[in-house]
Amino acid sequence: MAELIIDDENYRRKAAPPSVDGAKMGMGLVPRDLKKNPYAGPDFAFDAVQMPLIPRSEWSDRIKEMEATKSRLSDLRRRGNSEGGLIPSLDQNGQGYCWAYSTGMALMMTRVVSNLPYVRLSPHAVACKIKGFRDEGGWCGLSYKFAIEHGYPDQKMWPQKSMSRSNDNEQTWANAAKYKAVEGYYDMSVAVYDQEMTFDQVMSCLLCRIPVISDFNWWGHSVCALDPVEVEKGSFGIRIINSWTDSWGDLGEAVLRGNKAIPDNAVAPRTSTVSLL
């Protein structure tokens, strides 16, 4: 299947899932009230962990090396589950929980990078817990904060897409504590809708095989960024994995380029709780 590329020219036609029309493209990102919560400015980007930047002059060579060695996160995904095969993309089931699914996938991929056993986590659990079982949108910073404090449970404890309140019990959250986000590029001092990263910071993370949880206001959607991509010589984008099943894009993946590749909010998990269970 040809790689799906989304940019300023074709996003309306290609960004929406096959099952919904353009009017329903927004899948869970809360619109920002700029009067109440203005942007911090184009030069703002958190430096709570003093993120090292990789110079743009090195991007092309590093990407070529990752491609040649098949060491991109998308490559690891294709051989990363317990059977040595594809880690399937997630399915938010048409509900506005993308902001929890993007974080869940990033935590799963962080485990793959760390050579930990594949565990399919349950983003529905986190979204239901945060929103009191209401189908409501949010921001990736909201779910990542929860991942730091409580973790994500295994789907064996909270089945995928389940809205049952019976899942919300002590055993479930004891299991979730095994899968916490431990370290990451995340500034606890700012609001969840202000978890901003520059494009250079995003690319630096991806070049180090650190997934980036990304909110896009133009899309009304939150996804997990996997790889840095040189779409054309000197033109860079990011490969993302969506939460609309493997039937969307190329096995659930697509490349965002140009302005469409710059997230409005973003966080990046560097490590997760080490659990061999």
C-alpha atoms as a PDB file:
ATOM      1  CA  MET A   1       0.000   0.000   0.000  1.00  0.00           C
ATOM      2  CA  ALA A   2       1.311   3.463  -0.903  1.00  0.00           C
ATOM      3  CA  GLU A   3       2.241   5.657   2.011  1.00  0.00           C
ATOM      4  CA  LEU A   4      -0.480   8.123   2.989  1.00  0.00           C
ATOM      5  CA  ILE A   5       0.871  11.687   3.114  1.00  0.00           C
ATOM      6  CA  ILE A   6      -1.269  14.444   4.618  1.00  0.00           C
ATOM      7  CA  ASP A   7      -0.365  18.072   4.029  1.00  0.00           C
ATOM      8  CA  ASP A   8      -2.064  21.429   3.446  1.00  0.00           C
ATOM      9  CA  GLU A   9      -3.265  20.330   0.016  1.00  0.00           C
ATOM     10  CA  ASN A  10      -5.061  17.099   0.804  1.00  0.00           C
ATOM     11  CA  TYR A  11      -5.879  16.857   4.502  1.00  0.00           C
ATOM     12  CA  ARG A  12      -9.659  17.247   4.176  1.00  0.00           C
ATOM     13  CA  ARG A  13      -9.846  14.347   1.775  1.00  0.00           C
ATOM     14  CA  LYS A  14      -7.348  12.039   3.437  1.00  0.00           C
ATOM     15  CA  ALA A  15      -7.409  12.767   7.162  1.00  0.00           C
ATOM     16  CA  ALA A  16     -10.941  11.577   7.923  1.00  0.00           C
ATOM     17  CA  PRO A  17     -11.541   7.868   8.574  1.00  0.00           C
ATOM     18  CA  PRO A  18     -13.516   5.988   5.904  1.00  0.00           C
ATOM     19  CA  SER A  19     -16.559   5.655   8.161  1.00  0.00           C
ATOM     20  CA  VAL A  20     -17.152   9.350   8.890  1.00  0.00           C
ATOM     21  CA  ASP A  21     -17.662  12.412   6.752  1.00  0.00           C
ATOM     22  CA  GLY A  22     -15.603  15.580   6.831  1.00  0.00           C
ATOM     23  CA  ALA A  23     -17.955  17.266   9.295  1.00  0.00           C
ATOM     24  CA  LYS A  24     -17.109  14.614  11.862  1.00  0.00           C
ATOM     25  CA  MET A  25     -13.345  14.713  11.506  1.00  0.00           C
ATOM     26  CA  GLY A  26     -12.807  15.989  15.054  1.00  0.00           C
ATOM     27  CA  MET A  27     -12.295  12.911  17.199  1.00  0.00           C
ATOM     28  CA  GLY A  28     -11.815  14.157  20.734  1.00  0.00           C
ATOM     29  CA  LEU A  29      -9.474  17.122  20.994  1.00  0.00           C
ATOM     30  CA  VAL A  30     -11.073  19.910  23.007  1.00  0.00           C
ATOM     31  CA  PRO A  31     -11.052  23.248  21.139  1.00  0.00           C
ATOM     32  CA  ARG A  32      -8.982  25.786  23.013  1.00  0.00           C
ATOM     33  CA  ASP A  33     -10.702  28.917  24.308  1.00  0.00           C
ATOM     34  CA  LEU A  34      -8.042  31.452  23.380  1.00  0.00           C
ATOM     35  CA  LYS A  35      -9.671  34.202  25.443  1.00  0.00           C
ATOM     36  CA  LYS A  36      -9.338  32.143  28.617  1.00  0.00           C
ATOM     37  CA  ASN A  37      -6.203  30.225  27.664  1.00  0.00           C
ATOM     38  CA  PRO A  38      -4.048  32.200  25.213  1.00  0.00           C
ATOM     39  CA  TYR A  39      -0.999  30.610  23.644  1.00  0.00           C
ATOM     40  CA  ALA A  40       2.268  31.243  25.407  1.00  0.00           C
ATOM     41  CA  GLY A  41       3.817  32.438  22.150  1.00  0.00           C
ATOM     42  CA  PRO A  42       5.702  30.996  19.169  1.00  0.00           C
ATOM     43  CA  ASP A  43       8.995  30.842  21.036  1.00  0.00           C
ATOM     44  CA  PHE A  44       7.602  28.991  24.022  1.00  0.00           C
ATOM     45  CA  ALA A  45       8.663  25.393  24.526  1.00  0.00           C
ATOM     46  CA  PHE A  46       9.205  23.746  27.872  1.00  0.00           C
ATOM     47  CA  ASP A  47      12.749  23.035  28.978  1.00  0.00           C
ATOM     48  CA  ALA A  48      12.043  21.352  32.297  1.00  0.00           C
ATOM     49  CA  VAL A  49      14.320  18.460  31.378  1.00  0.00           C
ATOM     50  CA  GLN A  50      16.744  20.439  29.196  1.00  0.00           C
ATOM     51  CA  MET A  51      15.910  18.546  26.027  1.00  0.00           C
ATOM     52  CA  PRO A  52      18.978  18.159  23.768  1.00  0.00           C
ATOM     53  CA  LEU A  53      18.299  19.195  20.171  1.00  0.00           C
ATOM     54  CA  ILE A  54      19.729  17.386  17.170  1.00  0.00           C
ATOM     55  CA  PRO A  55      20.910  19.919  14.561  1.00  0.00           C
ATOM     56  CA  ARG A  56      18.871  20.039  11.365  1.00  0.00           C
ATOM     57  CA  SER A  57      22.082  19.480   9.423  1.00  0.00           C
ATOM     58  CA  GLU A  58      22.153  15.922  10.818  1.00  0.00           C
ATOM     59  CA  TRP A  59      18.528  14.992  10.227  1.00  0.00           C
ATOM     60  CA  SER A  60      18.849  13.600   6.711  1.00  0.00           C
ATOM     61  CA  ASP A  61      21.808  11.318   7.453  1.00  0.00           C
ATOM     62  CA  ARG A  62      20.256  10.064  10.686  1.00  0.00           C
ATOM     63  CA  ILE A  63      16.973   9.262   8.966  1.00  0.00           C
ATOM     64  CA  LYS A  64      18.772   7.374   6.192  1.00  0.00           C
ATOM     65  CA  GLU A  65      20.640   5.336   8.795  1.00  0.00           C
ATOM     66  CA  MET A  66      17.418   4.488  10.640  1.00  0.00           C
ATOM     67  CA  GLU A  67      15.795   3.424   7.377  1.00  0.00           C
ATOM     68  CA  ALA A  68      18.794   1.307   6.322  1.00  0.00           C
ATOM     69  CA  THR A  69      18.971  -0.493   9.655  1.00  0.00           C
ATOM     70  CA  LYS A  70      15.164  -0.795   9.949  1.00  0.00           C
ATOM     71  CA  SER A  71      15.373   0.639  13.440  1.00  0.00           C
ATOM     72  CA  ARG A  72      12.549   3.181  13.199  1.00  0.00           C
ATOM     73  CA  LEU A  73       9.656   2.841  15.620  1.00  0.00           C
ATOM     74  CA  SER A  74       7.431   1.812  12.711  1.00  0.00           C
ATOM     75  CA  ASP A  75       9.911  -1.004  11.956  1.00  0.00           C
ATOM     76  CA  LEU A  76       9.927  -2.111  15.588  1.00  0.00           C
ATOM     77  CA  ARG A  77       6.136  -2.033  15.554  1.00  0.00           C
ATOM     78  CA  ARG A  78       6.076  -4.491  12.661  1.00  0.00           C
ATOM     79  CA  ARG A  79       7.996  -7.102  14.615  1.00  0.00           C
ATOM     80  CA  GLY A  80       7.241  -6.064  18.165  1.00  0.00           C
ATOM     81  CA  ASN A  81       4.425  -8.184  19.630  1.00  0.00           C
ATOM     82  CA  SER A  82       4.835 -11.396  21.578  1.00  0.00           C
ATOM     83  CA  GLU A  83       4.457 -13.488  18.418  1.00  0.00           C
ATOM     84  CA  GLY A  84       7.087 -11.463  16.589  1.00  0.00           C
ATOM     85  CA  GLY A  85       4.566  -9.742  14.342  1.00  0.00           C
ATOM     86  CA  LEU A  86       2.746  -6.461  13.854  1.00  0.00           C
ATOM     87  CA  ILE A  87       1.550  -4.500  16.859  1.00  0.00           C
ATOM     88  CA  PRO A  88      -1.949  -3.509  15.738  1.00  0.00           C
ATOM     89  CA  SER A  89      -3.073   0.080  15.928  1.00  0.00           C
ATOM     90  CA  LEU A  90      -5.730   0.907  18.492  1.00  0.00           C
ATOM     91  CA  ASP A  91      -9.442   1.601  17.965  1.00  0.00           C
ATOM     92  CA  GLN A  92     -11.111   4.425  19.878  1.00  0.00           C
ATOM     93  CA  ASN A  93     -14.472   3.129  18.669  1.00  0.00           C
ATOM     94  CA  GLY A  94     -15.758   6.463  17.378  1.00  0.00           C
ATOM     95  CA  GLN A  95     -15.620   8.065  20.819  1.00  0.00           C
ATOM     96  CA  GLY A  96     -13.787  11.259  21.706  1.00  0.00           C
ATOM     97  CA  TYR A  97     -10.958   9.524  23.546  1.00  0.00           C
ATOM     98  CA  CYS A  98      -8.126  10.054  21.060  1.00  0.00           C
ATOM     99  CA  TRP A  99      -6.206  12.049  23.706  1.00  0.00           C
ATOM    100  CA  ALA A 100      -5.971   8.877  25.843  1.00  0.00           C
ATOM    101  CA  TYR A 101      -5.284   6.548  22.913  1.00  0.00           C
ATOM    102  CA  SER A 102      -2.293   8.560  21.690  1.00  0.00           C
ATOM    103  CA  THR A 103      -0.657   8.259  25.110  1.00  0.00           C
ATOM    104  CA  GLY A 104      -1.518   4.575  25.387  1.00  0.00           C
ATOM    105  CA  MET A 105       0.164   3.768  22.077  1.00  0.00           C
ATOM    106  CA  ALA A 106       3.244   5.788  23.040  1.00  0.00           C
ATOM    107  CA  LEU A 107       3.596   3.824  26.284  1.00  0.00           C
ATOM    108  CA  MET A 108       3.255   0.557  24.381  1.00  0.00           C
ATOM    109  CA  MET A 109       5.930   1.614  21.904  1.00  0.00           C
ATOM    110  CA  THR A 110       8.220   2.739  24.722  1.00  0.00           C
ATOM    111  CA  ARG A 111       8.075  -0.796  26.074  1.00  0.00           C
ATOM    112  CA  VAL A 112       8.995  -2.169  22.651  1.00  0.00           C
ATOM    113  CA  VAL A 113      12.043   0.111  22.461  1.00  0.00           C
ATOM    114  CA  SER A 114      13.046  -1.065  25.947  1.00  0.00           C
ATOM    115  CA  ASN A 115      12.800  -4.741  24.836  1.00  0.00           C
ATOM    116  CA  LEU A 116       9.967  -5.393  27.268  1.00  0.00           C
ATOM    117  CA  PRO A 117       7.170  -7.866  26.476  1.00  0.00           C
ATOM    118  CA  TYR A 118       4.315  -6.560  24.355  1.00  0.00           C
ATOM    119  CA  VAL A 119       1.324  -5.571  26.483  1.00  0.00           C
ATOM    120  CA  ARG A 120      -1.837  -4.186  24.914  1.00  0.00           C
ATOM    121  CA  LEU A 121      -2.939  -1.391  27.217  1.00  0.00           C
ATOM    122  CA  SER A 122      -6.487  -0.066  27.600  1.00  0.00           C
ATOM    123  CA  PRO A 123      -6.835   3.671  26.860  1.00  0.00           C
ATOM    124  CA  HIS A 124     -10.594   3.467  27.392  1.00  0.00           C
ATOM    125  CA  ALA A 125      -9.870   2.786  31.052  1.00  0.00           C
ATOM    126  CA  VAL A 126      -7.952   6.027  31.464  1.00  0.00           C
ATOM    127  CA  ALA A 127     -10.459   8.131  29.533  1.00  0.00           C
ATOM    128  CA  CYS A 128     -13.412   6.676  31.442  1.00  0.00           C
ATOM    129  CA  LYS A 129     -11.711   7.246  34.778  1.00  0.00           C
ATOM    130  CA  ILE A 130     -10.729  10.840  34.001  1.00  0.00           C
ATOM    131  CA  LYS A 131     -14.093  11.786  32.476  1.00  0.00           C
ATOM    132  CA  GLY A 132     -16.367   9.858  34.824  1.00  0.00           C
ATOM    133  CA  PHE A 133     -17.433   7.532  31.973  1.00  0.00           C
ATOM    134  CA  ARG A 134     -18.592  10.475  29.842  1.00  0.00           C
ATOM    135  CA  ASP A 135     -17.685  10.583  26.160  1.00  0.00           C
ATOM    136  CA  GLU A 136     -15.693  13.827  26.244  1.00  0.00           C
ATOM    137  CA  GLY A 137     -12.616  15.232  24.595  1.00  0.00           C
ATOM    138  CA  GLY A 138      -9.403  16.335  26.273  1.00  0.00           C
ATOM    139  CA  TRP A 139      -5.676  16.880  25.664  1.00  0.00           C
ATOM    140  CA  CYS A 140      -2.754  14.489  25.577  1.00  0.00           C
ATOM    141  CA  GLY A 141      -1.239  16.220  28.620  1.00  0.00           C
ATOM    142  CA  LEU A 142      -4.285  15.131  30.613  1.00  0.00           C
ATOM    143  CA  SER A 143      -3.810  11.428  29.894  1.00  0.00           C
ATOM    144  CA  TYR A 144      -0.030  11.637  30.257  1.00  0.00           C
ATOM    145  CA  LYS A 145      -0.375  13.195  33.709  1.00  0.00           C
ATOM    146  CA  PHE A 146      -2.641  10.269  34.611  1.00  0.00           C
ATOM    147  CA  ALA A 147      -0.077   7.833  33.168  1.00  0.00           C
ATOM    148  CA  ILE A 148       2.595   9.289  35.435  1.00  0.00           C
ATOM    149  CA  GLU A 149       0.413   9.132  38.535  1.00  0.00           C
ATOM    150  CA  HIS A 150      -1.586   5.928  37.969  1.00  0.00           C
ATOM    151  CA  GLY A 151      -0.513   4.149  34.784  1.00  0.00           C
ATOM    152  CA  TYR A 152      -2.560   2.358  32.105  1.00  0.00           C
ATOM    153  CA  PRO A 153      -4.073  -1.073  32.817  1.00  0.00           C
ATOM    154  CA  ASP A 154      -3.661  -4.144  30.662  1.00  0.00           C
ATOM    155  CA  GLN A 155      -6.675  -4.932  28.470  1.00  0.00           C
ATOM    156  CA  LYS A 156      -7.058  -8.152  30.445  1.00  0.00           C
ATOM    157  CA  MET A 157      -8.167  -6.002  33.371  1.00  0.00           C
ATOM    158  CA  TRP A 158     -10.195  -3.486  31.341  1.00  0.00           C
ATOM    159  CA  PRO A 159     -11.282  -4.868  27.951  1.00  0.00           C
ATOM    160  CA  GLN A 160     -10.776  -2.686  24.902  1.00  0.00           C
ATOM    161  CA  LYS A 161     -13.570  -0.136  24.318  1.00  0.00           C
ATOM    162  CA  SER A 162     -15.454  -1.246  27.411  1.00  0.00           C
ATOM    163  CA  MET A 163     -17.553   1.376  29.224  1.00  0.00           C
ATOM    164  CA  SER A 164     -18.477  -0.960  32.082  1.00  0.00           C
ATOM    165  CA  ARG A 165     -18.063   0.551  35.539  1.00  0.00           C
ATOM    166  CA  SER A 166     -17.350  -2.917  36.907  1.00  0.00           C
ATOM    167  CA  ASN A 167     -13.841  -2.587  35.445  1.00  0.00           C
ATOM    168  CA  ASP A 168     -13.080   0.299  37.783  1.00  0.00           C
ATOM    169  CA  ASN A 169     -11.780  -1.605  40.779  1.00  0.00           C
ATOM    170  CA  GLU A 170      -8.737  -1.946  43.010  1.00  0.00           C
ATOM    171  CA  GLN A 171      -7.286  -4.825  41.023  1.00  0.00           C
ATOM    172  CA  THR A 172      -7.434  -2.883  37.762  1.00  0.00           C
ATOM    173  CA  TRP A 173      -5.507   0.088  39.119  1.00  0.00           C
ATOM    174  CA  ALA A 174      -2.993  -2.114  40.886  1.00  0.00           C
ATOM    175  CA  ASN A 175      -2.317  -3.593  37.463  1.00  0.00           C
ATOM    176  CA  ALA A 176      -2.122  -0.117  35.889  1.00  0.00           C
ATOM    177  CA  ALA A 177       0.601   0.866  38.336  1.00  0.00           C
ATOM    178  CA  LYS A 178       2.887  -1.635  36.563  1.00  0.00           C
ATOM    179  CA  TYR A 179       2.657   0.450  33.399  1.00  0.00           C
ATOM    180  CA  LYS A 180       3.334   3.998  34.494  1.00  0.00           C
ATOM    181  CA  ALA A 181       5.222   6.645  32.574  1.00  0.00           C
ATOM    182  CA  VAL A 182       8.352   7.208  34.646  1.00  0.00           C
ATOM    183  CA  GLU A 183      10.428   9.732  32.711  1.00  0.00           C
ATOM    184  CA  GLY A 184       9.494  12.005  29.890  1.00  0.00           C
ATOM    185  CA  TYR A 185       9.559  15.375  28.239  1.00  0.00           C
ATOM    186  CA  TYR A 186       6.647  16.837  30.141  1.00  0.00           C
ATOM    187  CA  ASP A 187       6.444  20.086  32.101  1.00  0.00           C
ATOM    188  CA  MET A 188       4.398  19.591  35.264  1.00  0.00           C
ATOM    189  CA  SER A 189       4.390  23.351  35.894  1.00  0.00           C
ATOM    190  CA  VAL A 190       2.056  24.234  33.006  1.00  0.00           C
ATOM    191  CA  ALA A 191      -1.572  23.379  32.208  1.00  0.00           C
ATOM    192  CA  VAL A 192      -2.376  20.221  30.261  1.00  0.00           C
ATOM    193  CA  TYR A 193      -3.311  22.317  27.224  1.00  0.00           C
ATOM    194  CA  ASP A 194       0.104  24.032  27.315  1.00  0.00           C
ATOM    195  CA  GLN A 195       2.302  20.964  26.871  1.00  0.00           C
ATOM    196  CA  GLU A 196       3.994  22.445  23.820  1.00  0.00           C
ATOM    197  CA  MET A 197       7.049  21.311  21.881  1.00  0.00           C
ATOM    198  CA  THR A 198       8.708  22.895  18.870  1.00  0.00           C
ATOM    199  CA  PHE A 199       9.041  20.907  15.648  1.00  0.00           C
ATOM    200  CA  ASP A 200      12.789  20.621  16.274  1.00  0.00           C
ATOM    201  CA  GLN A 201      12.091  19.101  19.695  1.00  0.00           C
ATOM    202  CA  VAL A 202       9.631  16.639  18.187  1.00  0.00           C
ATOM    203  CA  MET A 203      12.123  15.615  15.511  1.00  0.00           C
ATOM    204  CA  SER A 204      14.923  15.291  18.053  1.00  0.00           C
ATOM    205  CA  CYS A 205      12.811  12.872  20.077  1.00  0.00           C
ATOM    206  CA  LEU A 206      11.841  10.822  17.033  1.00  0.00           C
ATOM    207  CA  LEU A 207      15.450  10.655  15.869  1.00  0.00           C
ATOM    208  CA  CYS A 208      16.214   9.095  19.269  1.00  0.00           C
ATOM    209  CA  ARG A 209      13.313   6.626  18.855  1.00  0.00           C
ATOM    210  CA  ILE A 210      11.191   8.367  21.479  1.00  0.00           C
ATOM    211  CA  PRO A 211       7.497   8.424  20.475  1.00  0.00           C
ATOM    212  CA  VAL A 212       5.806  11.806  20.719  1.00  0.00           C
ATOM    213  CA  ILE A 213       2.181  12.151  21.819  1.00  0.00           C
ATOM    214  CA  SER A 214       0.807  14.916  19.627  1.00  0.00           C
ATOM    215  CA  ASP A 215      -2.368  17.037  19.560  1.00  0.00           C
ATOM    216  CA  PHE A 216      -3.358  18.782  16.321  1.00  0.00           C
ATOM    217  CA  ASN A 217      -5.951  21.535  16.446  1.00  0.00           C
ATOM    218  CA  TRP A 218      -6.391  21.524  12.652  1.00  0.00           C
ATOM    219  CA  TRP A 219      -7.493  17.900  12.919  1.00  0.00           C
ATOM    220  CA  GLY A 220      -9.304  18.070  16.249  1.00  0.00           C
ATOM    221  CA  HIS A 221      -7.347  14.930  16.999  1.00  0.00           C
ATOM    222  CA  SER A 222      -4.488  13.417  19.008  1.00  0.00           C
ATOM    223  CA  VAL A 223      -2.127  10.739  17.672  1.00  0.00           C
ATOM    224  CA  CYS A 224       1.239   9.153  18.432  1.00  0.00           C
ATOM    225  CA  ALA A 225       4.200  10.200  16.278  1.00  0.00           C
ATOM    226  CA  LEU A 226       6.611   7.363  15.481  1.00  0.00           C
ATOM    227  CA  ASP A 227       9.260   8.361  12.946  1.00  0.00           C
ATOM    228  CA  PRO A 228      11.056  11.322  11.453  1.00  0.00           C
ATOM    229  CA  VAL A 229      10.582  11.345   7.674  1.00  0.00           C
ATOM    230  CA  GLU A 230      12.383  13.142   4.858  1.00  0.00           C
ATOM    231  CA  VAL A 231       9.500  13.406   2.392  1.00  0.00           C
ATOM    232  CA  GLU A 232      11.637  15.187  -0.184  1.00  0.00           C
ATOM    233  CA  LYS A 233      15.231  16.374  -0.024  1.00  0.00           C
ATOM    234  CA  GLY A 234      15.345  18.965   2.749  1.00  0.00           C
ATOM    235  CA  SER A 235      11.599  18.638   3.489  1.00  0.00           C
ATOM    236  CA  PHE A 236      10.743  16.813   6.708  1.00  0.00           C
ATOM    237  CA  GLY A 237       7.598  15.386   8.228  1.00  0.00           C
ATOM    238  CA  ILE A 238       6.532  12.862  10.860  1.00  0.00           C
ATOM    239  CA  ARG A 239       5.019   9.411  10.562  1.00  0.00           C
ATOM    240  CA  ILE A 240       2.103   8.968  12.963  1.00  0.00           C
ATOM    241  CA  ILE A 241       0.025   6.002  14.057  1.00  0.00           C
ATOM    242  CA  ASN A 242      -3.681   6.672  14.423  1.00  0.00           C
ATOM    243  CA  SER A 243      -6.351   5.093  16.631  1.00  0.00           C
ATOM    244  CA  TRP A 244      -8.815   4.265  13.840  1.00  0.00           C
ATOM    245  CA  THR A 245      -7.690   0.632  13.289  1.00  0.00           C
ATOM    246  CA  ASP A 246      -5.253  -0.709  10.719  1.00  0.00           C
ATOM    247  CA  SER A 247      -7.767  -0.064   7.906  1.00  0.00           C
ATOM    248  CA  TRP A 248      -6.869   3.659   7.918  1.00  0.00           C
ATOM    249  CA  GLY A 249      -3.809   4.787   5.976  1.00  0.00           C
ATOM    250  CA  ASP A 250      -0.964   2.288   5.756  1.00  0.00           C
ATOM    251  CA  LEU A 251      -1.704  -0.174   8.572  1.00  0.00           C
ATOM    252  CA  GLY A 252      -2.977   2.742  10.654  1.00  0.00           C
ATOM    253  CA  GLU A 253      -0.039   5.005   9.791  1.00  0.00           C
ATOM    254  CA  ALA A 254       0.416   8.158   7.704  1.00  0.00           C
ATOM    255  CA  VAL A 255       2.962  10.926   7.206  1.00  0.00           C
ATOM    256  CA  LEU A 256       2.147  14.517   8.158  1.00  0.00           C
ATOM    257  CA  ARG A 257       4.174  17.229   6.463  1.00  0.00           C
ATOM    258  CA  GLY A 258       4.392  21.014   6.381  1.00  0.00           C
ATOM    259  CA  ASN A 259       2.202  22.915   8.806  1.00  0.00           C
ATOM    260  CA  LYS A 260       0.142  19.782   9.399  1.00  0.00           C
ATOM    261  CA  ALA A 261       3.159  18.154  11.077  1.00  0.00           C
ATOM    262  CA  ILE A 262       3.559  20.763  13.826  1.00  0.00           C
ATOM    263  CA  PRO A 263       1.622  19.718  16.958  1.00  0.00           C
ATOM    264  CA  ASP A 264      -0.170  22.244  19.131  1.00  0.00           C
ATOM    265  CA  ASN A 265       0.453  20.163  22.249  1.00  0.00           C
ATOM    266  CA  ALA A 266       2.974  17.369  22.676  1.00  0.00           C
ATOM    267  CA  VAL A 267       4.627  15.215  25.340  1.00  0.00           C
ATOM    268  CA  ALA A 268       7.130  12.398  25.010  1.00  0.00           C
ATOM    269  CA  PRO A 269       7.648   9.381  27.311  1.00  0.00           C
ATOM    270  CA  ARG A 270      11.291   8.359  27.585  1.00  0.00           C
ATOM    271  CA  THR A 271      10.809   5.337  29.846  1.00  0.00           C
ATOM    272  CA  SER A 272       7.976   3.444  31.491  1.00  0.00           C
ATOM    273  CA  THR A 273       7.731   1.292  34.588  1.00  0.00           C
ATOM    274  CA  VAL A 274       9.704  -1.907  34.057  1.00  0.00           C
ATOM    275  CA  SER A 275       7.279  -4.799  34.363  1.00  0.00           C
ATOM    276  CA  LEU A 276       7.908  -8.230  32.919  1.00  0.00           C
ATOM    277  CA  LEU A 277       4.325  -9.287  33.493  1.00  0.00           C
END
